[in-house]
Amino acid sequence: ATYLSVNPIFHARTKHVEVDYHFIRD
């Protein structure tokens, strides 16, 4: 989860968490 929050590359295997990903990443 920590790595996802700073990784600008969105991986296909995490597509199901896309909304939360973009919310935190932004």
mmCIF file of all heavy atoms, coordinates in Angstrom:
data_MODEL
# 
_entry.id   MODEL 
# 
loop_
_atom_site.group_PDB 
_atom_site.id 
_atom_site.type_symbol 
_atom_site.label_atom_id 
_atom_site.label_alt_id 
_atom_site.label_comp_id 
_atom_site.label_asym_id 
_atom_site.label_entity_id 
_atom_site.label_seq_id 
_atom_site.pdbx_PDB_ins_code 
_atom_site.Cartn_x 
_atom_site.Cartn_y 
_atom_site.Cartn_z 
_atom_site.occupancy 
_atom_site.B_iso_or_equiv 
_atom_site.pdbx_formal_charge 
_atom_site.auth_seq_id 
_atom_site.auth_comp_id 
_atom_site.auth_asym_id 
_atom_site.auth_atom_id 
_atom_site.pdbx_PDB_model_num 
ATOM 1   N N   . ALA A 1 1  ? 0.833   -1.201 0.000   1.00 0.00 ? 1  ALA A N   1 
ATOM 2   C CA  . ALA A 1 1  ? 0.000   0.000  0.000   1.00 0.00 ? 1  ALA A CA  1 
ATOM 3   C C   . ALA A 1 1  ? 0.870   1.254  0.000   1.00 0.00 ? 1  ALA A C   1 
ATOM 4   O O   . ALA A 1 1  ? 0.556   2.240  -0.674  1.00 0.00 ? 1  ALA A O   1 
ATOM 5   C CB  . ALA A 1 1  ? -0.937  -0.005 1.211   1.00 0.00 ? 1  ALA A CB  1 
ATOM 6   N N   . THR A 1 2  ? 1.981   1.214  0.717   1.00 0.00 ? 2  THR A N   1 
ATOM 7   C CA  . THR A 1 2  ? 2.901   2.351  0.754   1.00 0.00 ? 2  THR A CA  1 
ATOM 8   C C   . THR A 1 2  ? 3.505   2.591  -0.623  1.00 0.00 ? 2  THR A C   1 
ATOM 9   O O   . THR A 1 2  ? 3.572   3.727  -1.090  1.00 0.00 ? 2  THR A O   1 
ATOM 10  C CB  . THR A 1 2  ? 4.008   2.104  1.794   1.00 0.00 ? 2  THR A CB  1 
ATOM 11  O OG1 . THR A 1 2  ? 3.404   1.842  3.061   1.00 0.00 ? 2  THR A OG1 1 
ATOM 12  C CG2 . THR A 1 2  ? 4.925   3.298  1.918   1.00 0.00 ? 2  THR A CG2 1 
ATOM 13  N N   . TYR A 1 3  ? 3.937   1.526  -1.286  1.00 0.00 ? 3  TYR A N   1 
ATOM 14  C CA  . TYR A 1 3  ? 4.512   1.663  -2.623  1.00 0.00 ? 3  TYR A CA  1 
ATOM 15  C C   . TYR A 1 3  ? 3.483   2.167  -3.625  1.00 0.00 ? 3  TYR A C   1 
ATOM 16  O O   . TYR A 1 3  ? 3.798   2.959  -4.501  1.00 0.00 ? 3  TYR A O   1 
ATOM 17  C CB  . TYR A 1 3  ? 5.099   0.344  -3.102  1.00 0.00 ? 3  TYR A CB  1 
ATOM 18  C CG  . TYR A 1 3  ? 6.321   -0.116 -2.341  1.00 0.00 ? 3  TYR A CG  1 
ATOM 19  C CD1 . TYR A 1 3  ? 6.658   -1.449 -2.280  1.00 0.00 ? 3  TYR A CD1 1 
ATOM 20  C CD2 . TYR A 1 3  ? 7.141   0.787  -1.661  1.00 0.00 ? 3  TYR A CD2 1 
ATOM 21  C CE1 . TYR A 1 3  ? 7.781   -1.886 -1.581  1.00 0.00 ? 3  TYR A CE1 1 
ATOM 22  C CE2 . TYR A 1 3  ? 8.250   0.368  -0.962  1.00 0.00 ? 3  TYR A CE2 1 
ATOM 23  C CZ  . TYR A 1 3  ? 8.568   -0.967 -0.924  1.00 0.00 ? 3  TYR A CZ  1 
ATOM 24  O OH  . TYR A 1 3  ? 9.670   -1.392 -0.236  1.00 0.00 ? 3  TYR A OH  1 
ATOM 25  N N   . LEU A 1 4  ? 2.242   1.699  -3.528  1.00 0.00 ? 4  LEU A N   1 
ATOM 26  C CA  . LEU A 1 4  ? 1.197   2.160  -4.448  1.00 0.00 ? 4  LEU A CA  1 
ATOM 27  C C   . LEU A 1 4  ? 0.973   3.662  -4.332  1.00 0.00 ? 4  LEU A C   1 
ATOM 28  O O   . LEU A 1 4  ? 0.656   4.330  -5.313  1.00 0.00 ? 4  LEU A O   1 
ATOM 29  C CB  . LEU A 1 4  ? -0.124  1.445  -4.155  1.00 0.00 ? 4  LEU A CB  1 
ATOM 30  C CG  . LEU A 1 4  ? -0.383  0.128  -4.854  1.00 0.00 ? 4  LEU A CG  1 
ATOM 31  C CD1 . LEU A 1 4  ? -1.705  -0.463 -4.385  1.00 0.00 ? 4  LEU A CD1 1 
ATOM 32  C CD2 . LEU A 1 4  ? -0.371  0.275  -6.358  1.00 0.00 ? 4  LEU A CD2 1 
ATOM 33  N N   . SER A 1 5  ? 1.121   4.201  -3.122  1.00 0.00 ? 5  SER A N   1 
ATOM 34  C CA  . SER A 1 5  ? 0.823   5.616  -2.911  1.00 0.00 ? 5  SER A CA  1 
ATOM 35  C C   . SER A 1 5  ? 1.827   6.551  -3.577  1.00 0.00 ? 5  SER A C   1 
ATOM 36  O O   . SER A 1 5  ? 1.513   7.705  -3.829  1.00 0.00 ? 5  SER A O   1 
ATOM 37  C CB  . SER A 1 5  ? 0.747   5.930  -1.411  1.00 0.00 ? 5  SER A CB  1 
ATOM 38  O OG  . SER A 1 5  ? 2.024   5.864  -0.824  1.00 0.00 ? 5  SER A OG  1 
ATOM 39  N N   . VAL A 1 6  ? 3.017   6.061  -3.882  1.00 0.00 ? 6  VAL A N   1 
ATOM 40  C CA  . VAL A 1 6  ? 4.037   6.917  -4.503  1.00 0.00 ? 6  VAL A CA  1 
ATOM 41  C C   . VAL A 1 6  ? 4.396   6.497  -5.924  1.00 0.00 ? 6  VAL A C   1 
ATOM 42  O O   . VAL A 1 6  ? 5.128   7.201  -6.599  1.00 0.00 ? 6  VAL A O   1 
ATOM 43  C CB  . VAL A 1 6  ? 5.334   6.969  -3.654  1.00 0.00 ? 6  VAL A CB  1 
ATOM 44  C CG1 . VAL A 1 6  ? 5.069   7.615  -2.324  1.00 0.00 ? 6  VAL A CG1 1 
ATOM 45  C CG2 . VAL A 1 6  ? 5.936   5.587  -3.487  1.00 0.00 ? 6  VAL A CG2 1 
ATOM 46  N N   . ASN A 1 7  ? 3.882   5.374  -6.390  1.00 0.00 ? 7  ASN A N   1 
ATOM 47  C CA  . ASN A 1 7  ? 4.227   4.859  -7.703  1.00 0.00 ? 7  ASN A CA  1 
ATOM 48  C C   . ASN A 1 7  ? 3.340   5.501  -8.770  1.00 0.00 ? 7  ASN A C   1 
ATOM 49  O O   . ASN A 1 7  ? 2.129   5.304  -8.768  1.00 0.00 ? 7  ASN A O   1 
ATOM 50  C CB  . ASN A 1 7  ? 4.040   3.336  -7.721  1.00 0.00 ? 7  ASN A CB  1 
ATOM 51  C CG  . ASN A 1 7  ? 4.534   2.709  -9.001  1.00 0.00 ? 7  ASN A CG  1 
ATOM 52  O OD1 . ASN A 1 7  ? 4.900   3.403  -9.945  1.00 0.00 ? 7  ASN A OD1 1 
ATOM 53  N ND2 . ASN A 1 7  ? 4.538   1.391  -9.031  1.00 0.00 ? 7  ASN A ND2 1 
ATOM 54  N N   . PRO A 1 8  ? 3.906   6.271  -9.690  1.00 0.00 ? 8  PRO A N   1 
ATOM 55  C CA  . PRO A 1 8  ? 3.090   6.924  -10.715 1.00 0.00 ? 8  PRO A CA  1 
ATOM 56  C C   . PRO A 1 8  ? 2.601   5.976  -11.807 1.00 0.00 ? 8  PRO A C   1 
ATOM 57  O O   . PRO A 1 8  ? 1.767   6.335  -12.610 1.00 0.00 ? 8  PRO A O   1 
ATOM 58  C CB  . PRO A 1 8  ? 4.031   7.982  -11.291 1.00 0.00 ? 8  PRO A CB  1 
ATOM 59  C CG  . PRO A 1 8  ? 5.383   7.432  -11.066 1.00 0.00 ? 8  PRO A CG  1 
ATOM 60  C CD  . PRO A 1 8  ? 5.312   6.636  -9.791  1.00 0.00 ? 8  PRO A CD  1 
ATOM 61  N N   . ILE A 1 9  ? 3.118   4.760  -11.843 1.00 0.00 ? 9  ILE A N   1 
ATOM 62  C CA  . ILE A 1 9  ? 2.716   3.795  -12.864 1.00 0.00 ? 9  ILE A CA  1 
ATOM 63  C C   . ILE A 1 9  ? 1.632   2.901  -12.294 1.00 0.00 ? 9  ILE A C   1 
ATOM 64  O O   . ILE A 1 9  ? 1.816   2.261  -11.261 1.00 0.00 ? 9  ILE A O   1 
ATOM 65  C CB  . ILE A 1 9  ? 3.919   2.953  -13.332 1.00 0.00 ? 9  ILE A CB  1 
ATOM 66  C CG1 . ILE A 1 9  ? 5.003   3.859  -13.900 1.00 0.00 ? 9  ILE A CG1 1 
ATOM 67  C CG2 . ILE A 1 9  ? 3.477   1.911  -14.346 1.00 0.00 ? 9  ILE A CG2 1 
ATOM 68  C CD1 . ILE A 1 9  ? 6.302   3.157  -14.172 1.00 0.00 ? 9  ILE A CD1 1 
ATOM 69  N N   . PHE A 1 10 ? 0.501   2.864  -12.984 1.00 0.00 ? 10 PHE A N   1 
ATOM 70  C CA  . PHE A 1 10 ? -0.631  2.064  -12.519 1.00 0.00 ? 10 PHE A CA  1 
ATOM 71  C C   . PHE A 1 10 ? -0.549  0.678  -13.153 1.00 0.00 ? 10 PHE A C   1 
ATOM 72  O O   . PHE A 1 10 ? -0.482  0.542  -14.358 1.00 0.00 ? 10 PHE A O   1 
ATOM 73  C CB  . PHE A 1 10 ? -1.929  2.771  -12.902 1.00 0.00 ? 10 PHE A CB  1 
ATOM 74  C CG  . PHE A 1 10 ? -3.118  2.191  -12.218 1.00 0.00 ? 10 PHE A CG  1 
ATOM 75  C CD1 . PHE A 1 10 ? -3.258  2.310  -10.848 1.00 0.00 ? 10 PHE A CD1 1 
ATOM 76  C CD2 . PHE A 1 10 ? -4.086  1.532  -12.939 1.00 0.00 ? 10 PHE A CD2 1 
ATOM 77  C CE1 . PHE A 1 10 ? -4.355  1.785  -10.212 1.00 0.00 ? 10 PHE A CE1 1 
ATOM 78  C CE2 . PHE A 1 10 ? -5.188  0.999  -12.308 1.00 0.00 ? 10 PHE A CE2 1 
ATOM 79  C CZ  . PHE A 1 10 ? -5.319  1.128  -10.936 1.00 0.00 ? 10 PHE A CZ  1 
ATOM 80  N N   . HIS A 1 11 ? -0.545  -0.348 -12.341 1.00 0.00 ? 11 HIS A N   1 
ATOM 81  C CA  . HIS A 1 11 ? -0.393  -1.709 -12.829 1.00 0.00 ? 11 HIS A CA  1 
ATOM 82  C C   . HIS A 1 11 ? -1.759  -2.357 -13.056 1.00 0.00 ? 11 HIS A C   1 
ATOM 83  O O   . HIS A 1 11 ? -2.702  -2.133 -12.307 1.00 0.00 ? 11 HIS A O   1 
ATOM 84  C CB  . HIS A 1 11 ? 0.407   -2.538 -11.818 1.00 0.00 ? 11 HIS A CB  1 
ATOM 85  C CG  . HIS A 1 11 ? 1.783   -2.009 -11.608 1.00 0.00 ? 11 HIS A CG  1 
ATOM 86  N ND1 . HIS A 1 11 ? 2.794   -2.176 -12.522 1.00 0.00 ? 11 HIS A ND1 1 
ATOM 87  C CD2 . HIS A 1 11 ? 2.312   -1.277 -10.604 1.00 0.00 ? 11 HIS A CD2 1 
ATOM 88  C CE1 . HIS A 1 11 ? 3.892   -1.592 -12.085 1.00 0.00 ? 11 HIS A CE1 1 
ATOM 89  N NE2 . HIS A 1 11 ? 3.634   -1.036 -10.916 1.00 0.00 ? 11 HIS A NE2 1 
ATOM 90  N N   . ALA A 1 12 ? -1.848  -3.192 -14.074 1.00 0.00 ? 12 ALA A N   1 
ATOM 91  C CA  . ALA A 1 12 ? -3.108  -3.860 -14.409 1.00 0.00 ? 12 ALA A CA  1 
ATOM 92  C C   . ALA A 1 12 ? -3.592  -4.752 -13.263 1.00 0.00 ? 12 ALA A C   1 
ATOM 93  O O   . ALA A 1 12 ? -4.785  -4.891 -13.038 1.00 0.00 ? 12 ALA A O   1 
ATOM 94  C CB  . ALA A 1 12 ? -2.940  -4.684 -15.682 1.00 0.00 ? 12 ALA A CB  1 
ATOM 95  N N   . ARG A 1 13 ? -2.683  -5.341 -12.502 1.00 0.00 ? 13 ARG A N   1 
ATOM 96  C CA  . ARG A 1 13 ? -3.109  -6.240 -11.428 1.00 0.00 ? 13 ARG A CA  1 
ATOM 97  C C   . ARG A 1 13 ? -3.722  -5.487 -10.245 1.00 0.00 ? 13 ARG A C   1 
ATOM 98  O O   . ARG A 1 13 ? -4.266  -6.102 -9.338  1.00 0.00 ? 13 ARG A O   1 
ATOM 99  C CB  . ARG A 1 13 ? -1.951  -7.116 -10.987 1.00 0.00 ? 13 ARG A CB  1 
ATOM 100 C CG  . ARG A 1 13 ? -0.805  -6.396 -10.337 1.00 0.00 ? 13 ARG A CG  1 
ATOM 101 C CD  . ARG A 1 13 ? 0.305   -7.381 -9.960  1.00 0.00 ? 13 ARG A CD  1 
ATOM 102 N NE  . ARG A 1 13 ? 1.474   -6.691 -9.466  1.00 0.00 ? 13 ARG A NE  1 
ATOM 103 C CZ  . ARG A 1 13 ? 2.476   -6.265 -10.204 1.00 0.00 ? 13 ARG A CZ  1 
ATOM 104 N NH1 . ARG A 1 13 ? 2.456   -6.446 -11.501 1.00 0.00 ? 13 ARG A NH1 1 
ATOM 105 N NH2 . ARG A 1 13 ? 3.500   -5.653 -9.657  1.00 0.00 ? 13 ARG A NH2 1 
ATOM 106 N N   . THR A 1 14 ? -3.623  -4.168 -10.231 1.00 0.00 ? 14 THR A N   1 
ATOM 107 C CA  . THR A 1 14 ? -4.257  -3.380 -9.176  1.00 0.00 ? 14 THR A CA  1 
ATOM 108 C C   . THR A 1 14 ? -5.401  -2.526 -9.723  1.00 0.00 ? 14 THR A C   1 
ATOM 109 O O   . THR A 1 14 ? -5.799  -1.559 -9.102  1.00 0.00 ? 14 THR A O   1 
ATOM 110 C CB  . THR A 1 14 ? -3.223  -2.469 -8.480  1.00 0.00 ? 14 THR A CB  1 
ATOM 111 O OG1 . THR A 1 14 ? -2.626  -1.628 -9.469  1.00 0.00 ? 14 THR A OG1 1 
ATOM 112 C CG2 . THR A 1 14 ? -2.173  -3.270 -7.752  1.00 0.00 ? 14 THR A CG2 1 
ATOM 113 N N   . LYS A 1 15 ? -5.911  -2.902 -10.882 1.00 0.00 ? 15 LYS A N   1 
ATOM 114 C CA  . LYS A 1 15 ? -6.972  -2.122 -11.527 1.00 0.00 ? 15 LYS A CA  1 
ATOM 115 C C   . LYS A 1 15 ? -8.199  -1.969 -10.634 1.00 0.00 ? 15 LYS A C   1 
ATOM 116 O O   . LYS A 1 15 ? -8.871  -0.943 -10.653 1.00 0.00 ? 15 LYS A O   1 
ATOM 117 C CB  . LYS A 1 15 ? -7.374  -2.791 -12.839 1.00 0.00 ? 15 LYS A CB  1 
ATOM 118 C CG  . LYS A 1 15 ? -8.368  -2.017 -13.647 1.00 0.00 ? 15 LYS A CG  1 
ATOM 119 C CD  . LYS A 1 15 ? -8.630  -2.711 -14.964 1.00 0.00 ? 15 LYS A CD  1 
ATOM 120 C CE  . LYS A 1 15 ? -9.601  -1.927 -15.798 1.00 0.00 ? 15 LYS A CE  1 
ATOM 121 N NZ  . LYS A 1 15 ? -9.868  -2.601 -17.062 1.00 0.00 ? 15 LYS A NZ  1 
ATOM 122 N N   . HIS A 1 16 ? -8.489  -2.956 -9.806  1.00 0.00 ? 16 HIS A N   1 
ATOM 123 C CA  . HIS A 1 16 ? -9.678  -2.923 -8.948  1.00 0.00 ? 16 HIS A CA  1 
ATOM 124 C C   . HIS A 1 16 ? -9.572  -1.899 -7.822  1.00 0.00 ? 16 HIS A C   1 
ATOM 125 O O   . HIS A 1 16 ? -10.561 -1.618 -7.164  1.00 0.00 ? 16 HIS A O   1 
ATOM 126 C CB  . HIS A 1 16 ? -9.965  -4.317 -8.387  1.00 0.00 ? 16 HIS A CB  1 
ATOM 127 C CG  . HIS A 1 16 ? -8.790  -4.939 -7.691  1.00 0.00 ? 16 HIS A CG  1 
ATOM 128 N ND1 . HIS A 1 16 ? -7.714  -5.480 -8.379  1.00 0.00 ? 16 HIS A ND1 1 
ATOM 129 C CD2 . HIS A 1 16 ? -8.512  -5.073 -6.394  1.00 0.00 ? 16 HIS A CD2 1 
ATOM 130 C CE1 . HIS A 1 16 ? -6.840  -5.943 -7.515  1.00 0.00 ? 16 HIS A CE1 1 
ATOM 131 N NE2 . HIS A 1 16 ? -7.289  -5.701 -6.304  1.00 0.00 ? 16 HIS A NE2 1 
ATOM 132 N N   . VAL A 1 17 ? -8.416  -1.319 -7.577  1.00 0.00 ? 17 VAL A N   1 
ATOM 133 C CA  . VAL A 1 17 ? -8.285  -0.284 -6.549  1.00 0.00 ? 17 VAL A CA  1 
ATOM 134 C C   . VAL A 1 17 ? -8.010  1.082  -7.174  1.00 0.00 ? 17 VAL A C   1 
ATOM 135 O O   . VAL A 1 17 ? -7.504  1.988  -6.524  1.00 0.00 ? 17 VAL A O   1 
ATOM 136 C CB  . VAL A 1 17 ? -7.183  -0.622 -5.513  1.00 0.00 ? 17 VAL A CB  1 
ATOM 137 C CG1 . VAL A 1 17 ? -7.546  -1.821 -4.708  1.00 0.00 ? 17 VAL A CG1 1 
ATOM 138 C CG2 . VAL A 1 17 ? -5.836  -0.803 -6.164  1.00 0.00 ? 17 VAL A CG2 1 
ATOM 139 N N   . GLU A 1 18 ? -8.380  1.249  -8.425  1.00 0.00 ? 18 GLU A N   1 
ATOM 140 C CA  . GLU A 1 18 ? -8.019  2.440  -9.183  1.00 0.00 ? 18 GLU A CA  1 
ATOM 141 C C   . GLU A 1 18 ? -8.515  3.742  -8.560  1.00 0.00 ? 18 GLU A C   1 
ATOM 142 O O   . GLU A 1 18 ? -7.781  4.729  -8.503  1.00 0.00 ? 18 GLU A O   1 
ATOM 143 C CB  . GLU A 1 18 ? -8.542  2.322  -10.611 1.00 0.00 ? 18 GLU A CB  1 
ATOM 144 C CG  . GLU A 1 18 ? -8.103  3.445  -11.500 1.00 0.00 ? 18 GLU A CG  1 
ATOM 145 C CD  . GLU A 1 18 ? -8.480  3.216  -12.951 1.00 0.00 ? 18 GLU A CD  1 
ATOM 146 O OE1 . GLU A 1 18 ? -9.041  2.165  -13.277 1.00 0.00 ? 18 GLU A OE1 1 
ATOM 147 O OE2 . GLU A 1 18 ? -8.201  4.111  -13.743 1.00 0.00 ? 18 GLU A OE2 1 
ATOM 148 N N   . VAL A 1 19 ? -9.753  3.787  -8.102  1.00 0.00 ? 19 VAL A N   1 
ATOM 149 C CA  . VAL A 1 19 ? -10.293 5.044  -7.560  1.00 0.00 ? 19 VAL A CA  1 
ATOM 150 C C   . VAL A 1 19 ? -9.512  5.469  -6.320  1.00 0.00 ? 19 VAL A C   1 
ATOM 151 O O   . VAL A 1 19 ? -9.062  6.613  -6.214  1.00 0.00 ? 19 VAL A O   1 
ATOM 152 C CB  . VAL A 1 19 ? -11.793 4.909  -7.248  1.00 0.00 ? 19 VAL A CB  1 
ATOM 153 C CG1 . VAL A 1 19 ? -12.296 6.141  -6.514  1.00 0.00 ? 19 VAL A CG1 1 
ATOM 154 C CG2 . VAL A 1 19 ? -12.579 4.699  -8.526  1.00 0.00 ? 19 VAL A CG2 1 
ATOM 155 N N   . ASP A 1 20 ? -9.326  4.559  -5.372  1.00 0.00 ? 20 ASP A N   1 
ATOM 156 C CA  . ASP A 1 20 ? -8.559  4.889  -4.172  1.00 0.00 ? 20 ASP A CA  1 
ATOM 157 C C   . ASP A 1 20 ? -7.112  5.202  -4.529  1.00 0.00 ? 20 ASP A C   1 
ATOM 158 O O   . ASP A 1 20 ? -6.488  6.068  -3.932  1.00 0.00 ? 20 ASP A O   1 
ATOM 159 C CB  . ASP A 1 20 ? -8.605  3.742  -3.162  1.00 0.00 ? 20 ASP A CB  1 
ATOM 160 C CG  . ASP A 1 20 ? -9.956  3.626  -2.497  1.00 0.00 ? 20 ASP A CG  1 
ATOM 161 O OD1 . ASP A 1 20 ? -10.686 4.640  -2.450  1.00 0.00 ? 20 ASP A OD1 1 
ATOM 162 O OD2 . ASP A 1 20 ? -10.288 2.534  -2.016  1.00 0.00 ? 20 ASP A OD2 1 
ATOM 163 N N   . TYR A 1 21 ? -6.579  4.492  -5.520  1.00 0.00 ? 21 TYR A N   1 
ATOM 164 C CA  . TYR A 1 21 ? -5.205  4.732  -5.945  1.00 0.00 ? 21 TYR A CA  1 
ATOM 165 C C   . TYR A 1 21 ? -5.033  6.183  -6.388  1.00 0.00 ? 21 TYR A C   1 
ATOM 166 O O   . TYR A 1 21 ? -4.140  6.878  -5.922  1.00 0.00 ? 21 TYR A O   1 
ATOM 167 C CB  . TYR A 1 21 ? -4.832  3.787  -7.095  1.00 0.00 ? 21 TYR A CB  1 
ATOM 168 C CG  . TYR A 1 21 ? -3.517  4.134  -7.735  1.00 0.00 ? 21 TYR A CG  1 
ATOM 169 C CD1 . TYR A 1 21 ? -2.329  3.674  -7.183  1.00 0.00 ? 21 TYR A CD1 1 
ATOM 170 C CD2 . TYR A 1 21 ? -3.452  4.936  -8.857  1.00 0.00 ? 21 TYR A CD2 1 
ATOM 171 C CE1 . TYR A 1 21 ? -1.120  4.008  -7.741  1.00 0.00 ? 21 TYR A CE1 1 
ATOM 172 C CE2 . TYR A 1 21 ? -2.241  5.269  -9.426  1.00 0.00 ? 21 TYR A CE2 1 
ATOM 173 C CZ  . TYR A 1 21 ? -1.077  4.800  -8.869  1.00 0.00 ? 21 TYR A CZ  1 
ATOM 174 O OH  . TYR A 1 21 ? 0.116   5.139  -9.425  1.00 0.00 ? 21 TYR A OH  1 
ATOM 175 N N   . HIS A 1 22 ? -5.893  6.624  -7.282  1.00 0.00 ? 22 HIS A N   1 
ATOM 176 C CA  . HIS A 1 22 ? -5.757  7.985  -7.793  1.00 0.00 ? 22 HIS A CA  1 
ATOM 177 C C   . HIS A 1 22 ? -6.027  9.023  -6.704  1.00 0.00 ? 22 HIS A C   1 
ATOM 178 O O   . HIS A 1 22 ? -5.393  10.070 -6.681  1.00 0.00 ? 22 HIS A O   1 
ATOM 179 C CB  . HIS A 1 22 ? -6.680  8.211  -8.991  1.00 0.00 ? 22 HIS A CB  1 
ATOM 180 C CG  . HIS A 1 22 ? -6.203  7.502  -10.223 1.00 0.00 ? 22 HIS A CG  1 
ATOM 181 N ND1 . HIS A 1 22 ? -5.012  7.801  -10.839 1.00 0.00 ? 22 HIS A ND1 1 
ATOM 182 C CD2 . HIS A 1 22 ? -6.747  6.496  -10.937 1.00 0.00 ? 22 HIS A CD2 1 
ATOM 183 C CE1 . HIS A 1 22 ? -4.845  7.021  -11.889 1.00 0.00 ? 22 HIS A CE1 1 
ATOM 184 N NE2 . HIS A 1 22 ? -5.885  6.215  -11.974 1.00 0.00 ? 22 HIS A NE2 1 
ATOM 185 N N   . PHE A 1 23 ? -6.953  8.734  -5.807  1.00 0.00 ? 23 PHE A N   1 
ATOM 186 C CA  . PHE A 1 23 ? -7.263  9.657  -4.713  1.00 0.00 ? 23 PHE A CA  1 
ATOM 187 C C   . PHE A 1 23 ? -6.031  9.900  -3.849  1.00 0.00 ? 23 PHE A C   1 
ATOM 188 O O   . PHE A 1 23 ? -5.630  11.036 -3.604  1.00 0.00 ? 23 PHE A O   1 
ATOM 189 C CB  . PHE A 1 23 ? -8.416  9.089  -3.877  1.00 0.00 ? 23 PHE A CB  1 
ATOM 190 C CG  . PHE A 1 23 ? -8.730  9.878  -2.649  1.00 0.00 ? 23 PHE A CG  1 
ATOM 191 C CD1 . PHE A 1 23 ? -9.304  11.137 -2.736  1.00 0.00 ? 23 PHE A CD1 1 
ATOM 192 C CD2 . PHE A 1 23 ? -8.464  9.360  -1.389  1.00 0.00 ? 23 PHE A CD2 1 
ATOM 193 C CE1 . PHE A 1 23 ? -9.596  11.868 -1.601  1.00 0.00 ? 23 PHE A CE1 1 
ATOM 194 C CE2 . PHE A 1 23 ? -8.764  10.083 -0.252  1.00 0.00 ? 23 PHE A CE2 1 
ATOM 195 C CZ  . PHE A 1 23 ? -9.325  11.340 -0.362  1.00 0.00 ? 23 PHE A CZ  1 
ATOM 196 N N   . ILE A 1 24 ? -5.397  8.838  -3.391  1.00 0.00 ? 24 ILE A N   1 
ATOM 197 C CA  . ILE A 1 24 ? -4.217  8.978  -2.524  1.00 0.00 ? 24 ILE A CA  1 
ATOM 198 C C   . ILE A 1 24 ? -3.018  9.473  -3.327  1.00 0.00 ? 24 ILE A C   1 
ATOM 199 O O   . ILE A 1 24 ? -2.293  10.364 -2.893  1.00 0.00 ? 24 ILE A O   1 
ATOM 200 C CB  . ILE A 1 24 ? -3.889  7.643  -1.834  1.00 0.00 ? 24 ILE A CB  1 
ATOM 201 C CG1 . ILE A 1 24 ? -5.033  7.266  -0.888  1.00 0.00 ? 24 ILE A CG1 1 
ATOM 202 C CG2 . ILE A 1 24 ? -2.578  7.737  -1.074  1.00 0.00 ? 24 ILE A CG2 1 
ATOM 203 C CD1 . ILE A 1 24 ? -4.919  5.876  -0.331  1.00 0.00 ? 24 ILE A CD1 1 
ATOM 204 N N   . ARG A 1 25 ? -2.809  8.920  -4.520  1.00 0.00 ? 25 ARG A N   1 
ATOM 205 C CA  . ARG A 1 25 ? -1.659  9.300  -5.338  1.00 0.00 ? 25 ARG A CA  1 
ATOM 206 C C   . ARG A 1 25 ? -1.670  10.795 -5.644  1.00 0.00 ? 25 ARG A C   1 
ATOM 207 O O   . ARG A 1 25 ? -0.634  11.452 -5.603  1.00 0.00 ? 25 ARG A O   1 
ATOM 208 C CB  . ARG A 1 25 ? -1.663  8.477  -6.638  1.00 0.00 ? 25 ARG A CB  1 
ATOM 209 C CG  . ARG A 1 25 ? -0.581  8.844  -7.610  1.00 0.00 ? 25 ARG A CG  1 
ATOM 210 C CD  . ARG A 1 25 ? 0.794   8.409  -7.108  1.00 0.00 ? 25 ARG A CD  1 
ATOM 211 N NE  . ARG A 1 25 ? 1.801   8.934  -8.004  1.00 0.00 ? 25 ARG A NE  1 
ATOM 212 C CZ  . ARG A 1 25 ? 2.685   9.866  -7.687  1.00 0.00 ? 25 ARG A CZ  1 
ATOM 213 N NH1 . ARG A 1 25 ? 2.707   10.362 -6.485  1.00 0.00 ? 25 ARG A NH1 1 
ATOM 214 N NH2 . ARG A 1 25 ? 3.561   10.287 -8.556  1.00 0.00 ? 25 ARG A NH2 1 
ATOM 215 N N   . ASP A 1 26 ? -2.850  11.351 -5.936  1.00 0.00 ? 26 ASP A N   1 
ATOM 216 C CA  . ASP A 1 26 ? -2.946  12.786 -6.193  1.00 0.00 ? 26 ASP A CA  1 
ATOM 217 C C   . ASP A 1 26 ? -2.543  13.601 -4.975  1.00 0.00 ? 26 ASP A C   1 
ATOM 218 O O   . ASP A 1 26 ? -1.878  14.628 -5.091  1.00 0.00 ? 26 ASP A O   1 
ATOM 219 C CB  . ASP A 1 26 ? -4.368  13.169 -6.606  1.00 0.00 ? 26 ASP A CB  1 
ATOM 220 C CG  . ASP A 1 26 ? -4.715  12.721 -8.020  1.00 0.00 ? 26 ASP A CG  1 
ATOM 221 O OD1 . ASP A 1 26 ? -3.790  12.291 -8.748  1.00 0.00 ? 26 ASP A OD1 1 
ATOM 222 O OD2 . ASP A 1 26 ? -5.899  12.793 -8.378  1.00 0.00 ? 26 ASP A OD2 1 
# 
